[in-house]
Amino acid sequence: MQKEVAVIGGGISGMVAAYEAKKLGVKNVRLYEKTNRLGGALKTTTLGGVQVEEGADAFLARVPEGIELCKELEIEEHELFSPTTAKVLLLGSEGFYELIQPQVLGVPLDPNSEMSEEIRNELLIDLEREEIQADNRKPNEKTVGGFVRSRIGNLIYERQVAPLLSAISASNPDLLDLDVTTPIFSNLKNSPSLIKGLQNTAVTANTKKSAPVFYAPKKGMSEIVEGLSKKLYEELNSVELETSIQSLSEIPADAHILAIPAFSVAKLLANSNIDSETSKDMLLEIEFASVGMVQLVYKAQNSKDILPERFKGASGALVLAEKNLNITAVSFSSQKWGKASDSEVLRVSVGKHNADAIVEKSDEEILKIVLGELAKEFQIEATPKASRITRWRKSFPQYFPGHTQKLEVIKDALKKQNIFLAGSSLNGVGIPACIRSGREAALALLS
């Protein structure tokens, strides 16, 4: 066990890594964060008199890490809430249509649900398949798109799966690694029927109408940050904000946990004269997308005052790539969470991999573009009483094929020098994945 550990990065991954290291018995744990706050992309604020989330607004309920952490922080299940509607609309070249439910990452689970005969036939082909063809592609050739298309056809993939995964990853899932991006699919590679596999997997139990798919603390996602921060300030040897570490020599320790983006790790290693040229080059090969979150608050007695009838009961809408819009998704937050208020809140996402130039435009330009597309494509023409634009630059790592193998090489090389990695650059951008990476980095100290 290391006696002294320095953690760089105060997002959720770094916070969890520091917390877990202390729990495991490390005597001296220090946490360093370059900004003036902990929490990274978890940021609850107030806009126009209502609570808004500038980053992630929920965590997945079908994996345990988020719920487990909330319990440790004494945020009980009755203090969590979930979306009041599962209805999601998609906007393609032929207009709006509804995401087929129930589903897992866009894959419909019940052929008896309302859908076209063409889609139903593709589902039935998968359900009736008794054996699968051998997949002879190399690991670096296996993508989400290639796998899903081979199982349930192009139509379901393009109309259901791709739009959903694109919104999650800010990317084109045809380019993304199957194992890292969608482990729930990857685990079913040997199942003749993808749909039967999803139906029988325990983790999909939450797709039942009575069980939530997402959770969020009622007081906002910052409640997780505040609860964890309290423990860190009580238990760590030091928590230092507004501290930018340029070289590991500035903070000598028995071990370092780097909970920062891959490109920042590469720069830090170079500045620290760490003998790992291969690792630095591989880290720089990981590409990132920038996204913008546009919060719009409207004065309204109910959602009907702002939203056209087609959006009644919907949590939001996703935009297919074929539309070639700047907007990638719109969340009808007040309606999604069933919040009673005299305001309607819309969360509008812009930017994705290889199409994120909009993020660097001025607030005025972004707002003009977003309001224009909302009016033309969504028929939402009201003027918001308040708006805020939050830029998450280079915040979405792109997990291209071969990502896992590349990470193994990097982590093995750095481990020899008592350097461990955590964060979204590893195995997922979701909150549970980031929590998991922080825990795994702390556990690696034991070896």
Protein backbone atom coordinates (compact mmCIF):
# COMPACT_ATOMS: atom_id res chain seq x y z
CA MET A 1 0.00 0.00 0.00
CA GLN A 2 1.28 3.46 -0.95
CA LYS A 3 1.74 5.87 1.99
CA GLU A 4 1.29 9.08 0.01
CA VAL A 5 -0.92 9.59 -3.06
CA ALA A 6 -1.52 12.73 -5.10
CA VAL A 7 -4.67 12.91 -7.23
CA ILE A 8 -4.81 15.43 -10.06
CA GLY A 9 -8.27 16.35 -11.31
CA GLY A 10 -11.30 17.24 -9.20
CA GLY A 11 -14.06 15.97 -11.43
CA ILE A 12 -16.21 13.07 -10.24
CA SER A 13 -13.53 10.50 -11.19
CA GLY A 14 -10.76 12.24 -9.26
CA MET A 15 -13.01 12.88 -6.28
CA VAL A 16 -13.99 9.22 -6.11
CA ALA A 17 -10.37 8.08 -6.58
CA ALA A 18 -9.23 10.26 -3.66
CA TYR A 19 -12.16 9.15 -1.49
CA GLU A 20 -11.57 5.47 -2.20
CA ALA A 21 -7.80 5.76 -1.66
CA LYS A 22 -8.42 7.14 1.81
CA LYS A 23 -10.96 4.40 2.55
CA LEU A 24 -8.39 1.79 1.52
CA GLY A 25 -5.98 3.07 4.13
CA VAL A 26 -3.64 5.43 2.30
CA LYS A 27 -2.31 7.72 5.04
CA ASN A 28 -1.70 10.84 3.00
CA VAL A 29 -4.06 11.70 0.11
CA ARG A 30 -3.96 15.08 -1.60
CA LEU A 31 -6.32 16.31 -4.33
CA TYR A 32 -5.49 19.06 -6.83
CA GLU A 33 -7.98 20.84 -9.11
CA LYS A 34 -7.08 23.64 -11.53
CA THR A 35 -10.50 25.39 -11.44
CA ASN A 36 -12.21 27.06 -8.49
CA ARG A 37 -14.65 24.21 -7.85
CA LEU A 38 -14.89 20.44 -7.58
CA GLY A 39 -17.33 18.35 -9.59
CA GLY A 40 -16.30 18.84 -13.20
CA ALA A 41 -19.32 18.35 -15.46
CA LEU A 42 -21.73 18.06 -12.52
CA LYS A 43 -22.93 21.61 -12.05
CA THR A 44 -26.35 22.68 -10.76
CA THR A 45 -27.13 26.39 -10.97
CA THR A 46 -30.11 28.75 -11.07
CA LEU A 47 -31.31 30.54 -14.19
CA GLY A 48 -34.40 32.71 -14.47
CA GLY A 49 -35.42 31.65 -10.97
CA VAL A 50 -35.36 27.90 -11.68
CA GLN A 51 -32.84 25.12 -11.08
CA VAL A 52 -30.90 23.98 -14.15
CA GLU A 53 -28.12 21.49 -14.86
CA GLU A 54 -25.27 22.87 -16.94
CA GLY A 55 -23.78 19.40 -17.43
CA ALA A 56 -25.14 15.90 -16.87
CA ASP A 57 -28.72 15.96 -15.55
CA ALA A 58 -28.97 12.32 -14.42
CA PHE A 59 -27.17 8.99 -14.13
CA LEU A 60 -28.11 5.53 -15.39
CA ALA A 61 -30.16 3.47 -12.94
CA ARG A 62 -29.46 0.13 -14.64
CA VAL A 63 -25.83 0.06 -13.45
CA PRO A 64 -25.01 0.22 -9.73
CA GLU A 65 -22.23 2.79 -9.30
CA GLY A 66 -24.35 5.95 -9.17
CA ILE A 67 -26.89 4.53 -6.74
CA GLU A 68 -24.16 3.04 -4.53
CA LEU A 69 -22.32 6.35 -4.29
CA CYS A 70 -25.54 8.19 -3.43
CA LYS A 71 -26.15 5.74 -0.58
CA GLU A 72 -22.63 6.27 0.74
CA LEU A 73 -23.30 10.00 0.70
CA GLU A 74 -26.58 9.44 2.55
CA ILE A 75 -28.66 10.49 -0.44
CA GLU A 76 -31.43 7.95 0.01
CA GLU A 77 -33.54 6.48 -2.77
CA HIS A 78 -36.57 8.57 -1.75
CA GLU A 79 -34.40 11.66 -2.31
CA LEU A 80 -33.83 10.62 -5.94
CA PHE A 81 -36.29 11.11 -8.73
CA SER A 82 -36.56 9.91 -12.30
CA PRO A 83 -38.13 11.16 -15.53
CA THR A 84 -41.90 11.02 -15.53
CA THR A 85 -42.04 10.10 -19.21
CA ALA A 86 -40.09 7.76 -21.46
CA LYS A 87 -41.47 9.21 -24.68
CA VAL A 88 -38.70 10.42 -27.00
CA LEU A 89 -39.14 11.94 -30.44
CA LEU A 90 -36.65 11.87 -33.29
CA LEU A 91 -36.36 14.37 -36.13
CA GLY A 92 -35.33 12.99 -39.50
CA SER A 93 -35.61 14.17 -43.09
CA GLU A 94 -39.28 13.13 -43.19
CA GLY A 95 -40.23 14.85 -39.94
CA PHE A 96 -40.77 13.72 -36.36
CA TYR A 97 -41.41 10.15 -35.25
CA GLU A 98 -41.45 8.42 -31.89
CA LEU A 99 -38.71 6.16 -30.51
CA ILE A 100 -40.10 2.64 -30.21
CA GLN A 101 -40.51 1.50 -26.60
CA PRO A 102 -39.48 -0.49 -24.66
CA GLN A 103 -35.89 -0.36 -25.87
CA VAL A 104 -32.28 -0.61 -24.76
CA LEU A 105 -29.98 1.91 -26.44
CA GLY A 106 -32.50 2.13 -29.24
CA VAL A 107 -32.96 -1.62 -29.81
CA PRO A 108 -36.71 -2.41 -29.54
CA LEU A 109 -37.44 -5.31 -27.19
CA ASP A 110 -41.04 -6.15 -28.11
CA PRO A 111 -42.13 -6.85 -31.70
CA ASN A 112 -45.72 -6.29 -30.56
CA SER A 113 -45.04 -2.62 -29.89
CA GLU A 114 -46.31 -0.10 -32.39
CA MET A 115 -43.91 -0.02 -35.35
CA SER A 116 -43.76 -0.41 -39.11
CA GLU A 117 -43.95 -3.88 -40.63
CA GLU A 118 -40.49 -3.40 -42.10
CA ILE A 119 -38.98 -2.85 -38.66
CA ARG A 120 -41.05 -5.66 -37.14
CA ASN A 121 -39.73 -8.06 -39.77
CA GLU A 122 -36.13 -7.16 -38.90
CA LEU A 123 -36.86 -7.81 -35.22
CA LEU A 124 -38.43 -11.17 -36.00
CA ILE A 125 -35.41 -12.24 -38.07
CA ASP A 126 -33.19 -11.56 -35.07
CA LEU A 127 -35.57 -13.27 -32.62
CA GLU A 128 -35.73 -16.41 -34.76
CA ARG A 129 -31.97 -16.70 -35.28
CA GLU A 130 -30.63 -19.87 -33.64
CA GLU A 131 -26.93 -19.50 -34.38
CA ILE A 132 -24.61 -16.67 -35.29
CA GLN A 133 -22.03 -16.40 -38.01
CA ALA A 134 -18.43 -16.29 -36.89
CA ASP A 135 -17.11 -12.75 -36.57
CA ASN A 136 -13.62 -12.81 -38.06
CA ARG A 137 -12.96 -9.08 -37.86
CA LYS A 138 -9.92 -7.91 -35.92
CA PRO A 139 -10.51 -6.09 -32.59
CA ASN A 140 -9.71 -2.73 -34.17
CA GLU A 141 -12.41 -3.29 -36.82
CA LYS A 142 -15.33 -3.99 -34.50
CA THR A 143 -17.66 -1.02 -34.23
CA VAL A 144 -21.07 -0.45 -32.68
CA GLY A 145 -22.58 0.19 -36.09
CA GLY A 146 -21.06 -2.91 -37.65
CA PHE A 147 -22.31 -5.15 -34.84
CA VAL A 148 -25.85 -3.77 -34.58
CA ARG A 149 -26.36 -3.65 -38.34
CA SER A 150 -25.28 -7.29 -38.61
CA ARG A 151 -27.86 -8.32 -36.00
CA ILE A 152 -30.98 -6.24 -36.58
CA GLY A 153 -30.41 -4.54 -39.93
CA ASN A 154 -29.75 -1.04 -41.21
CA LEU A 155 -33.23 0.39 -40.72
CA ILE A 156 -33.47 -0.08 -36.94
CA TYR A 157 -29.88 0.98 -36.51
CA GLU A 158 -30.27 4.21 -38.49
CA ARG A 159 -33.71 5.19 -37.15
CA GLN A 160 -33.35 4.08 -33.53
CA VAL A 161 -29.88 3.12 -32.35
CA ALA A 162 -27.61 5.59 -34.12
CA PRO A 163 -29.51 8.75 -33.08
CA LEU A 164 -29.62 7.68 -29.43
CA LEU A 165 -25.95 6.70 -29.25
CA SER A 166 -24.91 9.78 -31.20
CA ALA A 167 -26.58 11.98 -28.59
CA ILE A 168 -24.79 10.11 -25.79
CA SER A 169 -21.34 10.06 -27.38
CA ALA A 170 -21.39 13.25 -29.50
CA SER A 171 -20.17 11.08 -32.35
CA ASN A 172 -21.02 8.70 -35.17
CA PRO A 173 -21.46 5.21 -33.62
CA ASP A 174 -20.40 3.66 -36.93
CA LEU A 175 -16.90 4.76 -35.91
CA LEU A 176 -16.95 3.76 -32.24
CA ASP A 177 -15.53 0.71 -30.50
CA LEU A 178 -18.20 -1.83 -29.58
CA ASP A 179 -16.66 -3.00 -26.29
CA VAL A 180 -16.12 0.43 -24.76
CA THR A 181 -19.11 2.34 -26.12
CA THR A 182 -21.80 -0.32 -25.61
CA PRO A 183 -20.61 -3.08 -23.25
CA ILE A 184 -24.20 -4.28 -22.92
CA PHE A 185 -24.12 -5.15 -26.65
CA SER A 186 -20.57 -6.48 -26.52
CA ASN A 187 -21.49 -8.93 -23.76
CA LEU A 188 -24.05 -10.47 -26.13
CA LYS A 189 -21.68 -11.17 -29.03
CA ASN A 190 -22.22 -14.90 -28.51
CA SER A 191 -25.98 -14.66 -28.22
CA PRO A 192 -27.69 -15.74 -31.48
CA SER A 193 -30.42 -13.14 -30.91
CA LEU A 194 -29.43 -9.68 -29.72
CA ILE A 195 -33.00 -8.93 -28.65
CA LYS A 196 -33.40 -12.14 -26.65
CA GLY A 197 -30.06 -11.47 -25.04
CA LEU A 198 -31.19 -8.00 -24.00
CA GLN A 199 -34.50 -9.37 -22.75
CA ASN A 200 -32.74 -11.97 -20.61
CA THR A 201 -29.98 -9.77 -19.24
CA ALA A 202 -30.61 -8.78 -15.65
CA VAL A 203 -29.29 -5.30 -16.27
CA THR A 204 -32.23 -4.56 -18.56
CA ALA A 205 -34.78 -5.16 -15.81
CA ASN A 206 -35.10 -1.40 -15.49
CA THR A 207 -36.61 -1.16 -18.96
CA LYS A 208 -39.90 -2.25 -17.42
CA LYS A 209 -42.35 0.61 -17.25
CA SER A 210 -42.39 0.56 -13.45
CA ALA A 211 -38.61 0.88 -13.06
CA PRO A 212 -36.59 4.04 -13.69
CA VAL A 213 -33.92 4.19 -16.37
CA PHE A 214 -32.35 7.35 -14.94
CA TYR A 215 -32.00 8.86 -11.49
CA ALA A 216 -31.08 12.33 -10.25
CA PRO A 217 -31.01 13.85 -6.76
CA LYS A 218 -34.03 16.07 -6.20
CA LYS A 219 -31.75 18.91 -5.09
CA GLY A 220 -29.71 18.64 -8.27
CA MET A 221 -26.63 16.78 -9.44
CA SER A 222 -24.45 19.10 -7.36
CA GLU A 223 -25.80 17.36 -4.28
CA ILE A 224 -23.51 14.44 -5.18
CA VAL A 225 -20.58 16.85 -5.50
CA GLU A 226 -21.42 18.58 -2.22
CA GLY A 227 -21.75 15.29 -0.32
CA LEU A 228 -18.49 13.95 -1.68
CA SER A 229 -16.71 17.27 -1.17
CA LYS A 230 -17.72 17.28 2.49
CA LYS A 231 -16.12 13.88 3.00
CA LEU A 232 -12.98 14.88 1.12
CA TYR A 233 -12.45 18.07 3.11
CA GLU A 234 -12.95 16.09 6.32
CA GLU A 235 -10.75 13.12 5.48
CA LEU A 236 -8.05 14.12 2.99
CA ASN A 237 -4.79 15.73 3.97
CA SER A 238 -5.45 18.57 1.54
CA VAL A 239 -7.82 19.67 -1.24
CA GLU A 240 -6.26 22.44 -3.31
CA LEU A 241 -8.36 24.39 -5.83
CA GLU A 242 -7.10 26.76 -8.53
CA THR A 243 -3.89 24.75 -8.59
CA SER A 244 -2.58 23.89 -12.05
CA ILE A 245 0.07 21.18 -11.90
CA GLN A 246 2.60 21.46 -14.72
CA SER A 247 4.92 18.65 -13.62
CA LEU A 248 4.61 15.73 -11.21
CA SER A 249 7.84 16.91 -9.61
CA GLU A 250 5.80 19.76 -8.09
CA ILE A 251 3.82 17.29 -5.99
CA PRO A 252 6.12 14.39 -5.01
CA ALA A 253 4.26 11.29 -3.80
CA ASP A 254 4.61 7.52 -3.72
CA ALA A 255 1.93 7.32 -6.42
CA HIS A 256 -0.05 9.67 -8.65
CA ILE A 257 -3.60 9.26 -9.94
CA LEU A 258 -4.27 11.38 -13.03
CA ALA A 259 -8.01 11.97 -13.38
CA ILE A 260 -7.68 14.37 -16.30
CA PRO A 261 -8.26 14.11 -20.08
CA ALA A 262 -5.86 12.01 -22.14
CA PHE A 263 -4.29 15.04 -23.85
CA SER A 264 -3.64 16.65 -20.45
CA VAL A 265 -2.04 13.43 -19.20
CA ALA A 266 0.28 13.40 -22.25
CA LYS A 267 1.35 17.01 -21.61
CA LEU A 268 1.93 16.34 -17.91
CA LEU A 269 4.04 13.26 -18.66
CA ALA A 270 6.14 15.24 -21.15
CA ASN A 271 6.70 18.05 -18.66
CA SER A 272 7.60 15.53 -15.95
CA ASN A 273 10.26 13.78 -18.04
CA ILE A 274 8.44 10.48 -17.60
CA ASP A 275 10.12 7.79 -19.70
CA SER A 276 7.07 6.64 -21.65
CA GLU A 277 7.13 8.05 -25.18
CA THR A 278 4.78 5.33 -26.48
CA SER A 279 2.18 6.16 -23.83
CA LYS A 280 2.31 9.88 -24.62
CA ASP A 281 1.87 9.25 -28.34
CA MET A 282 -1.05 6.87 -27.76
CA LEU A 283 -2.74 9.30 -25.39
CA LEU A 284 -2.56 12.04 -28.01
CA GLU A 285 -4.20 9.72 -30.54
CA ILE A 286 -7.45 9.79 -28.53
CA GLU A 287 -9.71 12.36 -30.18
CA PHE A 288 -12.28 14.52 -28.40
CA ALA A 289 -15.48 16.38 -29.27
CA SER A 290 -16.61 19.69 -27.84
CA VAL A 291 -20.27 20.33 -27.04
CA GLY A 292 -22.33 23.29 -25.95
CA MET A 293 -25.31 23.23 -23.59
CA VAL A 294 -27.82 26.01 -24.23
CA GLN A 295 -30.25 26.52 -21.35
CA LEU A 296 -33.46 28.36 -22.23
CA VAL A 297 -36.03 29.39 -19.63
CA TYR A 298 -39.48 30.46 -20.80
CA LYS A 299 -42.29 32.03 -18.82
CA ALA A 300 -45.22 29.63 -19.06
CA GLN A 301 -48.06 28.34 -16.94
CA ASN A 302 -47.57 24.91 -18.53
CA SER A 303 -45.63 23.30 -21.37
CA LYS A 304 -48.50 23.82 -23.83
CA ASP A 305 -47.75 27.54 -23.77
CA ILE A 306 -44.35 26.89 -25.33
CA LEU A 307 -44.33 23.42 -26.93
CA PRO A 308 -46.41 22.37 -29.95
CA GLU A 309 -48.92 19.58 -29.37
CA ARG A 310 -46.68 16.90 -30.91
CA PHE A 311 -44.29 17.27 -27.97
CA LYS A 312 -46.95 16.67 -25.32
CA GLY A 313 -45.69 14.05 -22.84
CA ALA A 314 -42.22 13.83 -24.42
CA SER A 315 -38.98 14.10 -22.49
CA GLY A 316 -37.17 15.47 -25.51
CA ALA A 317 -36.19 15.06 -29.14
CA LEU A 318 -33.06 13.82 -30.91
CA VAL A 319 -31.92 15.08 -34.30
CA LEU A 320 -30.67 12.64 -36.94
CA ALA A 321 -27.41 13.47 -38.70
CA GLU A 322 -29.24 13.55 -42.05
CA LYS A 323 -30.90 16.83 -40.97
CA ASN A 324 -27.51 18.53 -40.81
CA LEU A 325 -28.54 20.87 -37.99
CA ASN A 326 -26.41 22.48 -35.32
CA ILE A 327 -28.86 21.24 -32.70
CA THR A 328 -28.26 17.58 -31.83
CA ALA A 329 -30.84 17.16 -29.05
CA VAL A 330 -33.47 19.09 -27.11
CA SER A 331 -34.61 18.12 -23.63
CA PHE A 332 -37.95 19.44 -22.38
CA SER A 333 -36.69 19.51 -18.82
CA SER A 334 -39.78 20.68 -16.95
CA GLN A 335 -41.92 18.12 -18.75
CA LYS A 336 -39.28 15.38 -18.52
CA TRP A 337 -38.96 15.63 -14.75
CA GLY A 338 -42.58 16.59 -14.00
CA LYS A 339 -41.55 19.76 -12.22
CA ALA A 340 -44.42 22.08 -11.37
CA SER A 341 -43.34 25.62 -12.20
CA ASP A 342 -44.43 28.76 -13.98
CA SER A 343 -41.40 28.31 -16.25
CA GLU A 344 -40.54 25.84 -18.99
CA VAL A 345 -36.87 24.85 -19.31
CA LEU A 346 -35.30 23.59 -22.54
CA ARG A 347 -31.78 22.09 -22.63
CA VAL A 348 -30.44 22.31 -26.16
CA SER A 349 -27.26 20.44 -27.14
CA VAL A 350 -25.01 21.59 -29.97
CA GLY A 351 -21.75 20.23 -31.33
CA LYS A 352 -20.38 16.76 -31.98
CA HIS A 353 -17.20 15.11 -33.23
CA ASN A 354 -15.89 16.78 -36.39
CA ALA A 355 -18.78 19.28 -36.22
CA ASP A 356 -18.12 21.32 -33.09
CA ALA A 357 -17.05 24.68 -34.52
CA ILE A 358 -20.29 26.20 -33.21
CA VAL A 359 -18.99 25.83 -29.66
CA GLU A 360 -16.39 28.52 -30.35
CA LYS A 361 -18.89 31.07 -31.62
CA SER A 362 -20.01 33.91 -29.36
CA ASP A 363 -22.97 33.50 -27.03
CA GLU A 364 -24.99 35.83 -29.23
CA GLU A 365 -24.23 33.83 -32.37
CA ILE A 366 -25.01 30.47 -30.73
CA LEU A 367 -28.28 31.78 -29.30
CA LYS A 368 -29.35 33.17 -32.68
CA ILE A 369 -28.59 29.86 -34.43
CA VAL A 370 -30.37 27.77 -31.78
CA LEU A 371 -33.49 29.95 -31.63
CA GLY A 372 -33.63 29.96 -35.43
CA GLU A 373 -33.48 26.16 -35.67
CA LEU A 374 -36.01 25.75 -32.84
CA ALA A 375 -38.43 28.01 -34.71
CA LYS A 376 -37.94 26.48 -38.15
CA GLU A 377 -37.62 22.79 -37.29
CA PHE A 378 -39.46 22.46 -33.96
CA GLN A 379 -41.99 25.28 -34.34
CA ILE A 380 -40.94 26.59 -30.93
CA GLU A 381 -41.11 30.33 -31.54
CA ALA A 382 -41.44 31.89 -28.08
CA THR A 383 -38.72 34.18 -26.75
CA PRO A 384 -36.97 32.87 -23.62
CA LYS A 385 -36.89 35.10 -20.55
CA ALA A 386 -33.39 33.86 -19.70
CA SER A 387 -30.61 31.91 -21.40
CA ARG A 388 -27.17 30.56 -20.59
CA ILE A 389 -24.57 28.83 -22.74
CA THR A 390 -22.09 26.42 -21.18
CA ARG A 391 -19.19 25.15 -23.26
CA TRP A 392 -17.71 21.72 -22.53
CA ARG A 393 -14.58 21.88 -24.66
CA LYS A 394 -12.88 18.61 -25.62
CA SER A 395 -15.08 16.83 -23.08
CA PHE A 396 -16.28 13.80 -25.07
CA PRO A 397 -13.52 11.27 -25.82
CA GLN A 398 -14.01 9.23 -28.97
CA TYR A 399 -13.56 5.50 -28.39
CA PHE A 400 -12.40 4.30 -31.78
CA PRO A 401 -11.75 0.58 -32.45
CA GLY A 402 -8.68 -0.64 -30.61
CA HIS A 403 -9.22 1.77 -27.70
CA THR A 404 -9.16 -0.98 -25.06
CA GLN A 405 -5.94 -2.50 -26.38
CA LYS A 406 -4.32 0.94 -26.53
CA LEU A 407 -5.32 1.65 -22.93
CA GLU A 408 -3.85 -1.62 -21.70
CA VAL A 409 -0.45 -0.67 -23.15
CA ILE A 410 -0.64 2.83 -21.64
CA LYS A 411 -1.76 1.70 -18.19
CA ASP A 412 0.82 -1.08 -17.98
CA ALA A 413 3.64 1.31 -18.87
CA LEU A 414 2.55 3.97 -16.37
CA LYS A 415 1.82 1.50 -13.58
CA LYS A 416 5.54 0.63 -13.48
CA GLN A 417 6.13 4.24 -12.44
CA ASN A 418 3.27 4.28 -9.92
CA ILE A 419 1.09 6.44 -12.16
CA PHE A 420 -2.56 5.44 -12.50
CA LEU A 421 -5.32 6.85 -14.71
CA ALA A 422 -8.98 7.66 -14.12
CA GLY A 423 -11.67 9.59 -15.96
CA SER A 424 -13.82 9.55 -19.06
CA SER A 425 -10.85 9.04 -21.40
CA LEU A 426 -10.80 5.40 -20.27
CA ASN A 427 -14.08 3.53 -20.56
CA GLY A 428 -17.13 5.75 -20.74
CA VAL A 429 -18.45 9.30 -20.36
CA GLY A 430 -21.40 8.49 -18.11
CA ILE A 431 -21.35 9.21 -14.38
CA PRO A 432 -21.33 5.50 -13.37
CA ALA A 433 -18.38 4.83 -15.71
CA CYS A 434 -16.44 7.77 -14.24
CA ILE A 435 -17.18 6.60 -10.69
CA ARG A 436 -15.99 3.11 -11.66
CA SER A 437 -12.76 4.44 -13.15
CA GLY A 438 -12.00 6.36 -9.95
CA ARG A 439 -12.57 3.28 -7.82
CA GLU A 440 -10.44 1.11 -10.09
CA ALA A 441 -7.57 3.61 -9.97
CA ALA A 442 -7.66 3.58 -6.17
CA LEU A 443 -7.77 -0.22 -6.08
CA ALA A 444 -4.77 -0.37 -8.42
CA LEU A 445 -2.73 1.23 -5.62
CA LEU A 446 -3.00 -2.04 -3.70
CA SER A 447 -0.88 -3.82 -6.29
